[in-house]
């Protein structure tokens, strides 16, 4: 079974933390930073990717917490 990634996305003037394939948000946050921190914690615990979206809903960044034997070089962090 494939593990599902976690996303922080804009929703109704707030920020939602969602798991891929699930419509209902896991949590709602007033700031993008708090939503991204929650996304990061959940992804790290589940060993999947944390995907961060901008205000337009476009992917702006990702963090991978899986066990990739050949990880790409991270140019952001």
PDB file of N, CA and C in Angstrom:
ATOM      1  N   UNK A   1       0.841  -1.182   0.000  1.00  0.00           N
ATOM      2  CA  UNK A   1       0.000   0.000   0.000  1.00  0.00           C
ATOM      3  C   UNK A   1       0.889   1.250   0.000  1.00  0.00           C
ATOM      4  N   UNK A   2       0.577   2.198  -0.843  1.00  0.00           N
ATOM      5  CA  UNK A   2       1.346   3.420  -0.966  1.00  0.00           C
ATOM      6  C   UNK A   2       0.996   4.373   0.167  1.00  0.00           C
ATOM      7  N   UNK A   3       2.026   4.946   0.761  1.00  0.00           N
ATOM      8  CA  UNK A   3       1.801   5.940   1.813  1.00  0.00           C
ATOM      9  C   UNK A   3       1.371   7.246   1.169  1.00  0.00           C
ATOM     10  N   UNK A   4       0.497   7.968   1.846  1.00  0.00           N
ATOM     11  CA  UNK A   4      -0.023   9.237   1.331  1.00  0.00           C
ATOM     12  C   UNK A   4       0.707  10.410   1.953  1.00  0.00           C
ATOM     13  N   UNK A   5       1.025  11.406   1.140  1.00  0.00           N
ATOM     14  CA  UNK A   5       1.717  12.610   1.586  1.00  0.00           C
ATOM     15  C   UNK A   5       0.761  13.572   2.290  1.00  0.00           C
ATOM     16  N   UNK A   6       1.338  14.526   3.017  1.00  0.00           N
ATOM     17  CA  UNK A   6       0.568  15.569   3.696  1.00  0.00           C
ATOM     18  C   UNK A   6       0.803  16.897   3.004  1.00  0.00           C
ATOM     19  N   UNK A   7      -0.244  17.721   2.924  1.00  0.00           N
ATOM     20  CA  UNK A   7      -0.182  19.007   2.235  1.00  0.00           C
ATOM     21  C   UNK A   7      -0.682  20.127   3.148  1.00  0.00           C
ATOM     22  N   UNK A   8      -0.069  21.300   3.034  1.00  0.00           N
ATOM     23  CA  UNK A   8      -0.628  22.513   3.645  1.00  0.00           C
ATOM     24  C   UNK A   8      -1.150  23.350   2.478  1.00  0.00           C
ATOM     25  N   UNK A   9      -2.459  23.654   2.519  1.00  0.00           N
ATOM     26  CA  UNK A   9      -3.128  24.324   1.407  1.00  0.00           C
ATOM     27  C   UNK A   9      -4.020  25.460   1.919  1.00  0.00           C
ATOM     28  N   UNK A  10      -4.214  26.499   1.088  1.00  0.00           N
ATOM     29  CA  UNK A  10      -5.133  27.569   1.488  1.00  0.00           C
ATOM     30  C   UNK A  10      -6.573  27.082   1.393  1.00  0.00           C
ATOM     31  N   UNK A  11      -7.400  27.481   2.382  1.00  0.00           N
ATOM     32  CA  UNK A  11      -8.814  27.104   2.363  1.00  0.00           C
ATOM     33  C   UNK A  11      -9.613  28.140   3.157  1.00  0.00           C
ATOM     34  N   UNK A  12     -10.531  28.803   2.480  1.00  0.00           N
ATOM     35  CA  UNK A  12     -11.443  29.763   3.126  1.00  0.00           C
ATOM     36  C   UNK A  12     -10.711  30.792   3.992  1.00  0.00           C
ATOM     37  N   UNK A  13      -9.719  31.470   3.439  1.00  0.00           N
ATOM     38  CA  UNK A  13      -8.930  32.498   4.122  1.00  0.00           C
ATOM     39  C   UNK A  13      -8.150  31.965   5.321  1.00  0.00           C
ATOM     40  N   UNK A  14      -7.938  30.675   5.387  1.00  0.00           N
ATOM     41  CA  UNK A  14      -7.137  30.043   6.431  1.00  0.00           C
ATOM     42  C   UNK A  14      -6.220  29.027   5.756  1.00  0.00           C
ATOM     43  N   UNK A  15      -5.560  28.190   6.543  1.00  0.00           N
ATOM     44  CA  UNK A  15      -4.655  27.179   6.013  1.00  0.00           C
ATOM     45  C   UNK A  15      -5.058  25.817   6.538  1.00  0.00           C
ATOM     46  N   UNK A  16      -5.199  24.862   5.639  1.00  0.00           N
ATOM     47  CA  UNK A  16      -5.612  23.505   5.996  1.00  0.00           C
ATOM     48  C   UNK A  16      -4.435  22.548   5.852  1.00  0.00           C
ATOM     49  N   UNK A  17      -4.416  21.552   6.730  1.00  0.00           N
ATOM     50  CA  UNK A  17      -3.475  20.449   6.607  1.00  0.00           C
ATOM     51  C   UNK A  17      -4.299  19.258   6.144  1.00  0.00           C
ATOM     52  N   UNK A  18      -3.916  18.706   4.986  1.00  0.00           N
ATOM     53  CA  UNK A  18      -4.683  17.607   4.396  1.00  0.00           C
ATOM     54  C   UNK A  18      -3.772  16.424   4.088  1.00  0.00           C
ATOM     55  N   UNK A  19      -4.369  15.259   4.091  1.00  0.00           N
ATOM     56  CA  UNK A  19      -3.684  14.046   3.673  1.00  0.00           C
ATOM     57  C   UNK A  19      -4.205  13.700   2.286  1.00  0.00           C
ATOM     58  N   UNK A  20      -3.315  13.290   1.393  1.00  0.00           N
ATOM     59  CA  UNK A  20      -3.717  12.949   0.028  1.00  0.00           C
ATOM     60  C   UNK A  20      -4.844  11.920   0.045  1.00  0.00           C
ATOM     61  N   UNK A  21      -5.840  12.159  -0.788  1.00  0.00           N
ATOM     62  CA  UNK A  21      -6.940  11.220  -0.935  1.00  0.00           C
ATOM     63  C   UNK A  21      -8.066  11.428   0.058  1.00  0.00           C
ATOM     64  N   UNK A  22      -7.911  12.342   1.007  1.00  0.00           N
ATOM     65  CA  UNK A  22      -8.957  12.616   1.990  1.00  0.00           C
ATOM     66  C   UNK A  22      -9.451  14.045   1.782  1.00  0.00           C
ATOM     67  N   UNK A  23     -10.754  14.202   1.639  1.00  0.00           N
ATOM     68  CA  UNK A  23     -11.337  15.515   1.348  1.00  0.00           C
ATOM     69  C   UNK A  23     -11.317  16.425   2.574  1.00  0.00           C
ATOM     70  N   UNK A  24     -11.707  15.906   3.717  1.00  0.00           N
ATOM     71  CA  UNK A  24     -11.806  16.715   4.934  1.00  0.00           C
ATOM     72  C   UNK A  24     -10.413  17.016   5.492  1.00  0.00           C
ATOM     73  N   UNK A  25     -10.126  18.297   5.804  1.00  0.00           N
ATOM     74  CA  UNK A  25      -8.825  18.645   6.378  1.00  0.00           C
ATOM     75  C   UNK A  25      -8.611  17.985   7.739  1.00  0.00           C
ATOM     76  N   UNK A  26      -7.368  17.667   8.027  1.00  0.00           N
ATOM     77  CA  UNK A  26      -7.025  17.122   9.337  1.00  0.00           C
ATOM     78  C   UNK A  26      -7.037  18.214  10.395  1.00  0.00           C
ATOM     79  N   UNK A  27      -6.640  19.431   9.991  1.00  0.00           N
ATOM     80  CA  UNK A  27      -6.653  20.572  10.903  1.00  0.00           C
ATOM     81  C   UNK A  27      -6.695  21.864  10.098  1.00  0.00           C
ATOM     82  N   UNK A  28      -7.149  22.930  10.767  1.00  0.00           N
ATOM     83  CA  UNK A  28      -7.208  24.262  10.162  1.00  0.00           C
ATOM     84  C   UNK A  28      -6.368  25.211  11.011  1.00  0.00           C
ATOM     85  N   UNK A  29      -5.694  26.180  10.339  1.00  0.00           N
ATOM     86  CA  UNK A  29      -4.783  27.091  11.036  1.00  0.00           C
ATOM     87  C   UNK A  29      -4.962  28.508  10.514  1.00  0.00           C
ATOM     88  N   UNK A  30      -4.699  29.483  11.389  1.00  0.00           N
ATOM     89  CA  UNK A  30      -4.812  30.888  10.985  1.00  0.00           C
ATOM     90  C   UNK A  30      -3.650  31.334  10.121  1.00  0.00           C
ATOM     91  N   UNK A  31      -2.462  30.732  10.345  1.00  0.00           N
ATOM     92  CA  UNK A  31      -1.284  31.166   9.583  1.00  0.00           C
ATOM     93  C   UNK A  31      -0.709  30.023   8.750  1.00  0.00           C
ATOM     94  N   UNK A  32      -0.062  30.411   7.692  1.00  0.00           N
ATOM     95  CA  UNK A  32       0.596  29.447   6.818  1.00  0.00           C
ATOM     96  C   UNK A  32       1.725  28.737   7.568  1.00  0.00           C
ATOM     97  N   UNK A  33       2.444  29.463   8.394  1.00  0.00           N
ATOM     98  CA  UNK A  33       3.578  28.885   9.121  1.00  0.00           C
ATOM     99  C   UNK A  33       3.143  27.761  10.063  1.00  0.00           C
ATOM    100  N   UNK A  34       2.049  27.955  10.780  1.00  0.00           N
ATOM    101  CA  UNK A  34       1.605  26.903  11.702  1.00  0.00           C
ATOM    102  C   UNK A  34       1.094  25.692  10.939  1.00  0.00           C
ATOM    103  N   UNK A  35       0.442  25.910   9.811  1.00  0.00           N
ATOM    104  CA  UNK A  35      -0.026  24.793   8.986  1.00  0.00           C
ATOM    105  C   UNK A  35       1.164  24.010   8.424  1.00  0.00           C
ATOM    106  N   UNK A  36       2.199  24.721   7.994  1.00  0.00           N
ATOM    107  CA  UNK A  36       3.381  24.056   7.451  1.00  0.00           C
ATOM    108  C   UNK A  36       4.117  23.267   8.532  1.00  0.00           C
ATOM    109  N   UNK A  37       4.169  23.780   9.744  1.00  0.00           N
ATOM    110  CA  UNK A  37       4.824  23.057  10.837  1.00  0.00           C
ATOM    111  C   UNK A  37       4.071  21.766  11.143  1.00  0.00           C
ATOM    112  N   UNK A  38       2.747  21.832  11.191  1.00  0.00           N
ATOM    113  CA  UNK A  38       1.928  20.633  11.440  1.00  0.00           C
ATOM    114  C   UNK A  38       2.107  19.631  10.298  1.00  0.00           C
ATOM    115  N   UNK A  39       2.136  20.112   9.070  1.00  0.00           N
ATOM    116  CA  UNK A  39       2.350  19.253   7.902  1.00  0.00           C
ATOM    117  C   UNK A  39       3.694  18.548   8.007  1.00  0.00           C
ATOM    118  N   UNK A  40       4.720  19.299   8.379  1.00  0.00           N
ATOM    119  CA  UNK A  40       6.068  18.754   8.518  1.00  0.00           C
ATOM    120  C   UNK A  40       6.112  17.663   9.596  1.00  0.00           C
ATOM    121  N   UNK A  41       5.496  17.906  10.739  1.00  0.00           N
ATOM    122  CA  UNK A  41       5.487  16.927  11.824  1.00  0.00           C
ATOM    123  C   UNK A  41       4.776  15.637  11.426  1.00  0.00           C
ATOM    124  N   UNK A  42       3.616  15.767  10.777  1.00  0.00           N
ATOM    125  CA  UNK A  42       2.864  14.583  10.353  1.00  0.00           C
ATOM    126  C   UNK A  42       3.631  13.783   9.300  1.00  0.00           C
ATOM    127  N   UNK A  43       4.237  14.490   8.344  1.00  0.00           N
ATOM    128  CA  UNK A  43       4.992  13.813   7.284  1.00  0.00           C
ATOM    129  C   UNK A  43       6.222  13.108   7.852  1.00  0.00           C
ATOM    130  N   UNK A  44       6.884  13.738   8.801  1.00  0.00           N
ATOM    131  CA  UNK A  44       8.067  13.139   9.404  1.00  0.00           C
ATOM    132  C   UNK A  44       7.688  11.863  10.161  1.00  0.00           C
ATOM    133  N   UNK A  45       6.599  11.920  10.902  1.00  0.00           N
ATOM    134  CA  UNK A  45       6.143  10.762  11.667  1.00  0.00           C
ATOM    135  C   UNK A  45       5.757   9.600  10.745  1.00  0.00           C
ATOM    136  N   UNK A  46       5.114   9.922   9.625  1.00  0.00           N
ATOM    137  CA  UNK A  46       4.657   8.900   8.679  1.00  0.00           C
ATOM    138  C   UNK A  46       5.722   8.521   7.647  1.00  0.00           C
ATOM    139  N   UNK A  47       6.851   9.237   7.652  1.00  0.00           N
ATOM    140  CA  UNK A  47       7.940   9.018   6.702  1.00  0.00           C
ATOM    141  C   UNK A  47       7.481   9.157   5.248  1.00  0.00           C
ATOM    142  N   UNK A  48       6.803  10.281   4.976  1.00  0.00           N
ATOM    143  CA  UNK A  48       6.331  10.609   3.629  1.00  0.00           C
ATOM    144  C   UNK A  48       6.769  12.036   3.299  1.00  0.00           C
ATOM    145  N   UNK A  49       6.239  12.599   2.217  1.00  0.00           N
ATOM    146  CA  UNK A  49       6.568  13.973   1.835  1.00  0.00           C
ATOM    147  C   UNK A  49       5.606  14.975   2.456  1.00  0.00           C
ATOM    148  N   UNK A  50       6.153  16.126   2.820  1.00  0.00           N
ATOM    149  CA  UNK A  50       5.372  17.292   3.217  1.00  0.00           C
ATOM    150  C   UNK A  50       5.365  18.213   2.003  1.00  0.00           C
ATOM    151  N   UNK A  51       4.185  18.588   1.558  1.00  0.00           N
ATOM    152  CA  UNK A  51       4.050  19.426   0.366  1.00  0.00           C
ATOM    153  C   UNK A  51       3.418  20.748   0.784  1.00  0.00           C
ATOM    154  N   UNK A  52       4.100  21.850   0.493  1.00  0.00           N
ATOM    155  CA  UNK A  52       3.655  23.174   0.902  1.00  0.00           C
ATOM    156  C   UNK A  52       3.157  23.952  -0.322  1.00  0.00           C
ATOM    157  N   UNK A  53       1.964  24.515  -0.211  1.00  0.00           N
ATOM    158  CA  UNK A  53       1.353  25.271  -1.306  1.00  0.00           C
ATOM    159  C   UNK A  53       1.374  26.765  -0.981  1.00  0.00           C
ATOM    160  N   UNK A  54       1.344  27.595  -2.028  1.00  0.00           N
ATOM    161  CA  UNK A  54       1.262  29.039  -1.826  1.00  0.00           C
ATOM    162  C   UNK A  54      -0.213  29.471  -1.783  1.00  0.00           C
ATOM    163  N   UNK A  55      -0.458  30.765  -1.692  1.00  0.00           N
ATOM    164  CA  UNK A  55      -1.832  31.283  -1.580  1.00  0.00           C
ATOM    165  C   UNK A  55      -2.693  30.958  -2.795  1.00  0.00           C
ATOM    166  N   UNK A  56      -2.069  30.715  -3.939  1.00  0.00           N
ATOM    167  CA  UNK A  56      -2.805  30.375  -5.157  1.00  0.00           C
ATOM    168  C   UNK A  56      -3.086  28.880  -5.250  1.00  0.00           C
ATOM    169  N   UNK A  57      -2.547  28.096  -4.308  1.00  0.00           N
ATOM    170  CA  UNK A  57      -2.729  26.648  -4.319  1.00  0.00           C
ATOM    171  C   UNK A  57      -1.660  25.891  -5.081  1.00  0.00           C
ATOM    172  N   UNK A  58      -0.668  26.628  -5.605  1.00  0.00           N
ATOM    173  CA  UNK A  58       0.419  25.997  -6.355  1.00  0.00           C
ATOM    174  C   UNK A  58       1.473  25.464  -5.387  1.00  0.00           C
ATOM    175  N   UNK A  59       2.124  24.363  -5.748  1.00  0.00           N
ATOM    176  CA  UNK A  59       3.183  23.810  -4.909  1.00  0.00           C
ATOM    177  C   UNK A  59       4.368  24.766  -4.904  1.00  0.00           C
ATOM    178  N   UNK A  60       4.803  25.150  -3.702  1.00  0.00           N
ATOM    179  CA  UNK A  60       5.953  26.052  -3.597  1.00  0.00           C
ATOM    180  C   UNK A  60       7.202  25.333  -3.097  1.00  0.00           C
ATOM    181  N   UNK A  61       7.025  24.220  -2.346  1.00  0.00           N
ATOM    182  CA  UNK A  61       8.174  23.498  -1.799  1.00  0.00           C
ATOM    183  C   UNK A  61       7.732  22.136  -1.292  1.00  0.00           C
ATOM    184  N   UNK A  62       8.708  21.247  -1.118  1.00  0.00           N
ATOM    185  CA  UNK A  62       8.453  19.905  -0.584  1.00  0.00           C
ATOM    186  C   UNK A  62       9.603  19.513   0.326  1.00  0.00           C
ATOM    187  N   UNK A  63       9.290  18.699   1.319  1.00  0.00           N
ATOM    188  CA  UNK A  63      10.305  18.071   2.164  1.00  0.00           C
ATOM    189  C   UNK A  63      10.005  16.589   2.182  1.00  0.00           C
ATOM    190  N   UNK A  64      11.021  15.765   1.982  1.00  0.00           N
ATOM    191  CA  UNK A  64      10.836  14.326   1.984  1.00  0.00           C
ATOM    192  C   UNK A  64      11.406  13.735   3.263  1.00  0.00           C
ATOM    193  N   UNK A  65      10.605  12.919   3.933  1.00  0.00           N
ATOM    194  CA  UNK A  65      11.028  12.281   5.166  1.00  0.00           C
ATOM    195  C   UNK A  65      11.062  10.761   5.020  1.00  0.00           C
ATOM    196  N   UNK A  66      10.985  10.276   3.790  1.00  0.00           N
ATOM    197  CA  UNK A  66      11.052   8.846   3.529  1.00  0.00           C
ATOM    198  C   UNK A  66      12.487   8.362   3.501  1.00  0.00           C
ATOM    199  N   UNK A  67      12.653   7.108   3.193  1.00  0.00           N
ATOM    200  CA  UNK A  67      13.988   6.508   3.150  1.00  0.00           C
ATOM    201  C   UNK A  67      14.420   6.299   1.699  1.00  0.00           C
ATOM    202  N   UNK A  68      14.766   7.390   1.041  1.00  0.00           N
ATOM    203  CA  UNK A  68      15.202   7.358  -0.344  1.00  0.00           C
ATOM    204  C   UNK A  68      16.699   7.043  -0.380  1.00  0.00           C
ATOM    205  N   UNK A  69      17.118   5.930  -1.004  1.00  0.00           N
ATOM    206  CA  UNK A  69      18.535   5.591  -1.043  1.00  0.00           C
ATOM    207  C   UNK A  69      19.365   6.544  -1.909  1.00  0.00           C
ATOM    208  N   UNK A  70      18.720   7.271  -2.814  1.00  0.00           N
ATOM    209  CA  UNK A  70      19.399   8.219  -3.687  1.00  0.00           C
ATOM    210  C   UNK A  70      18.679   9.559  -3.666  1.00  0.00           C
ATOM    211  N   UNK A  71      18.674  10.278  -2.550  1.00  0.00           N
ATOM    212  CA  UNK A  71      17.904  11.520  -2.478  1.00  0.00           C
ATOM    213  C   UNK A  71      18.502  12.620  -3.356  1.00  0.00           C
ATOM    214  N   UNK A  72      17.666  13.464  -3.941  1.00  0.00           N
ATOM    215  CA  UNK A  72      18.174  14.596  -4.713  1.00  0.00           C
ATOM    216  C   UNK A  72      18.795  15.626  -3.773  1.00  0.00           C
ATOM    217  N   UNK A  73      19.667  16.442  -4.295  1.00  0.00           N
ATOM    218  CA  UNK A  73      20.284  17.501  -3.512  1.00  0.00           C
ATOM    219  C   UNK A  73      19.244  18.580  -3.232  1.00  0.00           C
ATOM    220  N   UNK A  74      19.049  18.916  -1.960  1.00  0.00           N
ATOM    221  CA  UNK A  74      18.089  19.945  -1.573  1.00  0.00           C
ATOM    222  C   UNK A  74      18.728  21.300  -1.786  1.00  0.00           C
ATOM    223  N   UNK A  75      18.131  22.118  -2.599  1.00  0.00           N
ATOM    224  CA  UNK A  75      18.700  23.433  -2.924  1.00  0.00           C
ATOM    225  C   UNK A  75      18.117  24.539  -2.061  1.00  0.00           C
ATOM    226  N   UNK A  76      17.087  24.224  -1.253  1.00  0.00           N
ATOM    227  CA  UNK A  76      16.445  25.247  -0.437  1.00  0.00           C
ATOM    228  C   UNK A  76      16.991  25.257   0.983  1.00  0.00           C
ATOM    229  N   UNK A  77      17.144  24.110   1.604  1.00  0.00           N
ATOM    230  CA  UNK A  77      17.538  24.032   3.023  1.00  0.00           C
ATOM    231  C   UNK A  77      18.995  23.715   3.174  1.00  0.00           C
TER     232      UNK A  77
END
